[in-house]
Amino acid sequence: MISRRALCGGLAALALPRPALAGSAPEITRLRYQGGAGRVMFPELAEDLGYLAPIRLEWVGNTISGPQDIQALVTDDVDIGGAFNGSILKMIAYGAPAVAVIGTGGSDALSSSKLCVMSNHPVRTAADLRGRTIGLNALGAQSEFSLNRYLHNGGQGDVDTAGITLVPLPPVALEGALRMGRIDAAMFPAPLQDIAMARGGLQEVFSEYDLFGDLMMNALAMRRSFVAQHPATARLFVGAMARAIEWARVTPRATVIARFKSIVRRRGRNENLMPLDYWKSTSVGQPGGVLQPTDFSIFRDWFVRNGEPRLAEVNLTQIYSNSFNPYAARTPLPSDPE
């Protein structure tokens, strides 16, 4: 449980400096980040579109989960890190020196994580999951939260009370583990479930869109010390990323996919391009990734009801800041398709 000292101490230190004026030169021109194999992150798209100049991204490796990416941020191994909003909320409440600065995705009608089983498997409902083994990309993160929410809605309590065994696996290994019978079900992130479903033999049990509808579930964070020391860099970066999100939203899907493939080919990491064909949407609910209290309150309220009452004291506006996002000020930058 979070102590009052940890909670209040962590939040009291969250005040951000006044954002640098538009047009101010960035204090540094290199940002360290982790990527994803076979994926294009919005910062990478922003750089490729020319929005990020003169800042350059420095790839330090790939991550397979939000918790690992955020840990790398807190330990100063990267300058930007993305994760599930519930994880970011807890991290900051526990005193981690970070702040969410822009939304990066979630669930919508086109893109949403899904729990799937083999078509001949008896699991079809929350009750059927009792005592089963489920694969997911990380413990204590978005997939586990969604699974608990589904179980709760179906009157089955949570993962622990339902006797479910969770098996963390790299996302690309989930389908193989499911088809080989090593797990009973798999929580696939988009678009991996579409790829697996296209091969046949799988049945969807539920999707995050079924549970939450349109919801921003992920954000990108920065360390408070970084923002304090480099406000112009933070402003340029967030504005560039917001423009990239809107470019992807308004540009024809085929053009976006072609651009993604070009980026992946040119970085020369011997990655599989096929998953990019299944990209369907940004799944970013607000223009430019502007964050809202509801992007965090749904998770805070759940945690409060399920054994962490101290989180009720968290002021959500101290968890995130739209200070550097031009779309929050209703002055969006141009993002016409190229």
Protein backbone atom coordinates (compact mmCIF):
# COMPACT_ATOMS: atom_id res chain seq x y z
CA MET A 1 0.00 0.00 0.00
CA ILE A 2 1.19 3.53 -0.73
CA SER A 3 2.14 5.51 2.36
CA ARG A 4 0.81 9.04 2.78
CA ARG A 5 4.39 10.31 2.76
CA ALA A 6 5.21 8.59 -0.55
CA LEU A 7 1.94 9.69 -2.12
CA CYS A 8 2.02 13.31 -1.06
CA GLY A 9 5.77 13.66 -1.48
CA GLY A 10 5.65 12.32 -5.02
CA LEU A 11 2.82 14.60 -6.08
CA ALA A 12 4.10 17.72 -4.40
CA ALA A 13 7.21 17.62 -6.56
CA LEU A 14 5.27 17.44 -9.81
CA ALA A 15 5.06 21.16 -10.59
CA LEU A 16 6.33 21.83 -14.09
CA PRO A 17 8.25 24.85 -15.28
CA ARG A 18 6.56 27.40 -17.47
CA PRO A 19 6.69 25.95 -21.01
CA ALA A 20 9.26 27.50 -23.30
CA LEU A 21 7.93 29.97 -25.81
CA ALA A 22 7.09 28.63 -29.25
CA GLY A 23 10.08 28.92 -31.53
CA SER A 24 12.67 28.67 -28.75
CA ALA A 25 15.68 26.62 -29.79
CA PRO A 26 15.83 23.19 -28.13
CA GLU A 27 18.38 22.95 -25.33
CA ILE A 28 19.52 19.51 -26.56
CA THR A 29 19.05 17.84 -29.93
CA ARG A 30 19.27 14.16 -29.02
CA LEU A 31 16.54 12.07 -27.37
CA ARG A 32 17.15 8.48 -26.29
CA TYR A 33 14.27 6.05 -26.69
CA GLN A 34 13.30 2.41 -27.02
CA GLY A 35 11.48 1.17 -30.08
CA GLY A 36 9.44 -1.90 -30.94
CA ALA A 37 10.38 -4.64 -33.38
CA GLY A 38 8.33 -4.37 -36.55
CA ARG A 39 6.55 -1.27 -35.26
CA VAL A 40 6.78 2.47 -35.90
CA MET A 41 6.33 4.68 -32.86
CA PHE A 42 4.87 8.16 -33.22
CA PRO A 43 8.21 9.82 -32.32
CA GLU A 44 9.81 7.85 -35.16
CA LEU A 45 7.08 8.98 -37.54
CA ALA A 46 7.50 12.59 -36.38
CA GLU A 47 11.21 12.42 -37.11
CA ASP A 48 10.65 10.89 -40.54
CA LEU A 49 8.09 13.55 -41.46
CA GLY A 50 10.59 16.27 -40.57
CA TYR A 51 8.54 17.64 -37.67
CA LEU A 52 11.18 16.88 -35.05
CA ALA A 53 14.17 18.72 -36.58
CA PRO A 54 16.70 19.65 -35.33
CA ILE A 55 16.12 17.01 -32.66
CA ARG A 56 17.27 13.50 -33.53
CA LEU A 57 16.18 10.25 -31.92
CA GLU A 58 18.78 7.84 -30.58
CA TRP A 59 17.54 4.24 -30.54
CA VAL A 60 18.94 2.31 -27.56
CA GLY A 61 17.10 -0.97 -28.17
CA ASN A 62 13.59 -2.41 -28.25
CA THR A 63 11.12 -2.88 -25.44
CA ILE A 64 8.33 -5.46 -25.23
CA SER A 65 6.32 -3.85 -22.43
CA GLY A 66 5.33 -0.52 -20.94
CA PRO A 67 6.59 -1.34 -17.43
CA GLN A 68 10.08 -2.00 -18.80
CA ASP A 69 10.02 1.19 -20.87
CA ILE A 70 8.93 3.31 -17.91
CA GLN A 71 11.55 1.72 -15.68
CA ALA A 72 14.18 2.69 -18.24
CA LEU A 73 12.83 6.25 -18.12
CA VAL A 74 13.00 6.46 -14.33
CA THR A 75 16.57 5.10 -14.28
CA ASP A 76 17.64 7.68 -16.90
CA ASP A 77 18.42 5.09 -19.57
CA VAL A 78 16.01 6.82 -21.97
CA ASP A 79 14.52 10.32 -22.18
CA ILE A 80 10.99 9.28 -23.19
CA GLY A 81 9.01 6.21 -22.19
CA GLY A 82 5.51 4.95 -22.86
CA ALA A 83 3.20 2.76 -20.80
CA PHE A 84 -0.33 1.92 -19.72
CA ASN A 85 -1.99 4.88 -18.02
CA GLY A 86 -2.73 2.83 -14.92
CA SER A 87 0.97 2.00 -14.57
CA ILE A 88 1.93 5.65 -15.05
CA LEU A 89 -0.62 6.69 -12.43
CA LYS A 90 0.78 4.27 -9.84
CA MET A 91 4.38 5.05 -10.72
CA ILE A 92 3.94 8.76 -10.12
CA ALA A 93 1.80 8.22 -7.01
CA TYR A 94 4.63 6.16 -5.55
CA GLY A 95 6.94 9.12 -6.11
CA ALA A 96 8.58 8.37 -9.46
CA PRO A 97 9.89 11.67 -10.90
CA ALA A 98 7.92 11.68 -14.15
CA VAL A 99 4.89 13.19 -15.82
CA ALA A 100 2.73 12.03 -18.74
CA VAL A 101 2.90 14.54 -21.60
CA ILE A 102 0.93 13.04 -24.52
CA GLY A 103 -1.43 10.16 -25.24
CA THR A 104 -0.22 7.42 -27.55
CA GLY A 105 -3.16 5.06 -28.04
CA GLY A 106 -5.78 2.81 -26.53
CA SER A 107 -8.95 1.17 -27.76
CA ASP A 108 -11.26 2.16 -30.56
CA ALA A 109 -13.57 0.35 -32.97
CA LEU A 110 -10.69 -0.45 -35.33
CA SER A 111 -7.76 -1.14 -32.98
CA SER A 112 -8.08 -2.94 -29.68
CA SER A 113 -6.36 -5.69 -27.71
CA LYS A 114 -8.31 -8.97 -27.57
CA LEU A 115 -8.37 -12.19 -25.58
CA CYS A 116 -8.45 -15.17 -27.94
CA VAL A 117 -8.61 -18.96 -27.64
CA MET A 118 -8.45 -21.79 -30.12
CA SER A 119 -11.80 -22.31 -31.86
CA ASN A 120 -12.13 -25.82 -30.41
CA HIS A 121 -11.40 -24.64 -26.86
CA PRO A 122 -14.34 -24.57 -24.42
CA VAL A 123 -13.64 -21.06 -23.10
CA ARG A 124 -16.31 -18.59 -24.21
CA THR A 125 -17.21 -16.63 -21.05
CA ALA A 126 -15.60 -15.17 -17.95
CA ALA A 127 -16.69 -18.21 -15.92
CA ASP A 128 -14.92 -20.50 -18.39
CA LEU A 129 -11.60 -18.81 -17.60
CA ARG A 130 -11.49 -20.08 -14.03
CA GLY A 131 -8.35 -22.13 -13.43
CA ARG A 132 -6.98 -21.44 -16.91
CA THR A 133 -3.55 -20.34 -18.07
CA ILE A 134 -3.42 -17.05 -19.98
CA GLY A 135 -0.51 -15.54 -21.89
CA LEU A 136 0.07 -11.78 -21.96
CA ASN A 137 2.96 -9.45 -22.63
CA ALA A 138 3.57 -8.19 -19.07
CA LEU A 139 2.33 -8.69 -15.54
CA GLY A 140 0.67 -5.82 -13.71
CA ALA A 141 0.02 -3.78 -16.83
CA GLN A 142 -2.76 -3.08 -19.32
CA SER A 143 -3.60 -6.65 -20.30
CA GLU A 144 -3.91 -7.79 -16.69
CA PHE A 145 -6.07 -4.78 -15.84
CA SER A 146 -8.42 -5.54 -18.76
CA LEU A 147 -8.60 -9.21 -17.85
CA ASN A 148 -9.53 -8.33 -14.25
CA ARG A 149 -12.18 -5.93 -15.49
CA TYR A 150 -13.68 -8.63 -17.73
CA LEU A 151 -13.69 -11.16 -14.89
CA HIS A 152 -15.29 -8.65 -12.53
CA ASN A 153 -18.01 -7.80 -15.05
CA GLY A 154 -18.71 -11.51 -15.39
CA GLY A 155 -19.01 -12.05 -11.66
CA GLN A 156 -15.72 -13.96 -11.36
CA GLY A 157 -13.74 -11.60 -9.12
CA ASP A 158 -10.22 -11.19 -10.44
CA VAL A 159 -7.29 -13.24 -11.70
CA ASP A 160 -6.34 -14.39 -8.20
CA THR A 161 -9.81 -15.39 -7.00
CA ALA A 162 -10.50 -17.13 -10.31
CA GLY A 163 -7.34 -19.23 -9.94
CA ILE A 164 -5.90 -18.05 -13.25
CA THR A 165 -2.20 -18.46 -14.02
CA LEU A 166 -0.69 -15.60 -16.01
CA VAL A 167 2.28 -16.34 -18.27
CA PRO A 168 4.29 -13.31 -19.47
CA LEU A 169 5.52 -13.80 -23.05
CA PRO A 170 6.91 -11.58 -25.79
CA PRO A 171 3.95 -10.46 -27.92
CA VAL A 172 5.27 -12.28 -30.99
CA ALA A 173 5.40 -15.56 -29.01
CA LEU A 174 1.75 -15.50 -27.89
CA GLU A 175 0.27 -17.09 -31.00
CA GLY A 176 2.75 -19.95 -31.05
CA ALA A 177 2.20 -20.71 -27.37
CA LEU A 178 -1.57 -20.71 -27.91
CA ARG A 179 -1.50 -22.97 -30.96
CA MET A 180 0.89 -25.42 -29.25
CA GLY A 181 -1.40 -25.67 -26.23
CA ARG A 182 1.06 -24.19 -23.75
CA ILE A 183 -1.59 -21.66 -22.70
CA ASP A 184 -5.39 -21.73 -22.81
CA ALA A 185 -5.84 -18.15 -23.97
CA ALA A 186 -3.76 -15.20 -25.13
CA MET A 187 -4.23 -11.47 -24.69
CA PHE A 188 -3.11 -10.15 -28.08
CA PRO A 189 -2.24 -6.48 -28.62
CA ALA A 190 -3.35 -4.91 -31.88
CA PRO A 191 -2.57 -5.78 -34.62
CA LEU A 192 -1.18 -9.19 -33.61
CA GLN A 193 -4.63 -10.63 -32.95
CA ASP A 194 -5.70 -9.75 -36.50
CA ILE A 195 -2.67 -11.56 -37.86
CA ALA A 196 -3.38 -14.63 -35.72
CA MET A 197 -7.09 -14.60 -36.59
CA ALA A 198 -6.28 -14.37 -40.29
CA ARG A 199 -4.44 -17.69 -40.05
CA GLY A 200 -7.62 -19.31 -38.82
CA GLY A 201 -8.59 -21.53 -35.93
CA LEU A 202 -8.96 -18.80 -33.30
CA GLN A 203 -11.99 -17.44 -31.45
CA GLU A 204 -12.27 -14.01 -29.82
CA VAL A 205 -13.53 -14.00 -26.22
CA PHE A 206 -13.54 -10.24 -25.61
CA SER A 207 -11.84 -7.04 -26.71
CA GLU A 208 -10.84 -3.95 -24.76
CA TYR A 209 -13.22 -2.03 -26.98
CA ASP A 210 -16.02 -4.26 -25.63
CA LEU A 211 -15.01 -3.24 -22.11
CA PHE A 212 -14.12 0.43 -22.47
CA GLY A 213 -15.26 1.71 -25.85
CA ASP A 214 -13.11 4.58 -27.10
CA LEU A 215 -10.51 5.15 -24.39
CA MET A 216 -6.97 6.53 -24.30
CA MET A 217 -5.15 3.84 -22.35
CA ASN A 218 -1.50 4.67 -23.00
CA ALA A 219 0.67 7.74 -22.72
CA LEU A 220 4.25 8.84 -23.11
CA ALA A 221 6.08 10.27 -20.11
CA MET A 222 9.19 12.31 -19.41
CA ARG A 223 11.23 12.80 -16.25
CA ARG A 224 10.42 16.00 -14.38
CA SER A 225 14.10 16.88 -14.19
CA PHE A 226 14.39 16.59 -17.97
CA VAL A 227 11.39 18.84 -18.55
CA ALA A 228 12.71 21.39 -16.05
CA GLN A 229 16.13 21.52 -17.70
CA HIS A 230 14.96 21.26 -21.32
CA PRO A 231 11.52 22.91 -21.68
CA ALA A 232 12.08 24.01 -25.30
CA THR A 233 13.14 20.48 -26.25
CA ALA A 234 10.05 19.06 -24.52
CA ARG A 235 7.80 21.55 -26.28
CA LEU A 236 9.25 20.84 -29.72
CA PHE A 237 9.13 17.07 -29.16
CA VAL A 238 5.53 16.93 -27.91
CA GLY A 239 4.34 19.29 -30.64
CA ALA A 240 6.08 17.22 -33.32
CA MET A 241 4.62 14.00 -31.98
CA ALA A 242 1.14 15.54 -31.83
CA ARG A 243 1.46 16.57 -35.48
CA ALA A 244 2.57 13.05 -36.42
CA ILE A 245 -0.49 11.57 -34.69
CA GLU A 246 -2.77 13.87 -36.67
CA TRP A 247 -0.90 13.11 -39.90
CA ALA A 248 -1.56 9.40 -39.35
CA ARG A 249 -5.20 10.09 -38.47
CA VAL A 250 -6.06 12.10 -41.62
CA THR A 251 -3.81 10.37 -44.14
CA PRO A 252 -5.18 7.44 -46.18
CA ARG A 253 -4.41 4.12 -44.49
CA ALA A 254 -2.44 2.76 -47.45
CA THR A 255 -0.20 5.85 -47.42
CA VAL A 256 0.43 5.52 -43.68
CA ILE A 257 1.35 1.85 -44.03
CA ALA A 258 3.67 2.59 -46.95
CA ARG A 259 5.41 5.26 -44.86
CA PHE A 260 5.76 2.89 -41.92
CA LYS A 261 7.32 0.25 -44.15
CA SER A 262 9.74 2.76 -45.59
CA ILE A 263 10.85 3.77 -42.09
CA VAL A 264 11.36 0.16 -41.01
CA ARG A 265 13.29 -0.75 -44.16
CA ARG A 266 15.62 2.23 -43.87
CA ARG A 267 16.55 1.61 -40.24
CA GLY A 268 17.98 -1.76 -41.26
CA ARG A 269 17.17 -3.96 -38.26
CA ASN A 270 16.01 -7.03 -40.23
CA GLU A 271 12.39 -6.70 -39.06
CA ASN A 272 9.23 -8.38 -40.32
CA LEU A 273 7.14 -5.87 -42.30
CA MET A 274 4.00 -8.02 -42.45
CA PRO A 275 2.41 -6.77 -39.18
CA LEU A 276 2.35 -3.26 -40.61
CA ASP A 277 -0.22 -4.38 -43.20
CA TYR A 278 -2.68 -4.83 -40.34
CA TRP A 279 -2.39 -1.29 -38.99
CA LYS A 280 -5.88 0.23 -38.92
CA SER A 281 -5.93 3.38 -36.80
CA THR A 282 -3.98 5.55 -34.38
CA SER A 283 -6.40 4.59 -31.55
CA VAL A 284 -5.62 8.04 -30.11
CA GLY A 285 -8.96 9.43 -29.01
CA GLN A 286 -8.18 13.14 -28.77
CA PRO A 287 -6.60 15.41 -31.43
CA GLY A 288 -2.85 15.47 -31.05
CA GLY A 289 -2.92 13.03 -28.13
CA VAL A 290 -4.26 15.64 -25.69
CA LEU A 291 -4.75 13.98 -22.29
CA GLN A 292 -7.89 14.21 -20.18
CA PRO A 293 -8.72 13.33 -16.55
CA THR A 294 -10.84 10.40 -17.71
CA ASP A 295 -7.77 8.82 -19.31
CA PHE A 296 -6.55 8.15 -15.77
CA SER A 297 -9.63 8.29 -13.54
CA ILE A 298 -11.04 4.99 -14.78
CA PHE A 299 -7.90 3.25 -13.57
CA ARG A 300 -7.53 5.23 -10.34
CA ASP A 301 -11.13 4.49 -9.37
CA TRP A 302 -10.66 0.78 -10.06
CA PHE A 303 -7.50 0.63 -7.95
CA VAL A 304 -9.25 2.48 -5.12
CA ARG A 305 -12.12 -0.03 -5.12
CA ASN A 306 -9.70 -2.94 -5.21
CA GLY A 307 -7.37 -2.41 -2.28
CA GLU A 308 -5.49 0.87 -2.85
CA PRO A 309 -7.66 3.55 -1.22
CA ARG A 310 -4.75 6.00 -0.91
CA LEU A 311 -4.92 6.57 -4.66
CA ALA A 312 -8.20 8.40 -4.07
CA GLU A 313 -6.04 11.31 -2.86
CA VAL A 314 -4.31 11.66 -6.22
CA ASN A 315 -5.09 14.86 -8.11
CA LEU A 316 -5.13 13.64 -11.70
CA THR A 317 -3.96 16.96 -13.10
CA GLN A 318 -0.67 16.30 -11.28
CA ILE A 319 -0.21 13.03 -13.14
CA TYR A 320 -0.17 14.55 -16.61
CA SER A 321 0.41 17.86 -18.35
CA ASN A 322 -0.78 19.20 -21.70
CA SER A 323 1.46 22.25 -21.30
CA PHE A 324 3.62 21.36 -24.29
CA ASN A 325 0.86 20.15 -26.62
CA PRO A 326 -0.31 22.79 -29.12
CA TYR A 327 -3.59 20.94 -29.66
CA ALA A 328 -4.54 21.51 -26.03
CA ALA A 329 -4.48 25.25 -26.68
CA ARG A 330 -6.70 24.80 -29.74
CA THR A 331 -3.87 26.01 -31.96
CA PRO A 332 -2.98 22.83 -33.86
CA LEU A 333 -0.06 22.87 -36.20
CA PRO A 334 -0.65 21.91 -39.84
CA SER A 335 -0.67 18.17 -40.46
CA ASP A 336 -1.76 17.86 -44.07
CA PRO A 337 -0.86 14.56 -45.78
CA GLU A 338 2.32 14.77 -47.80
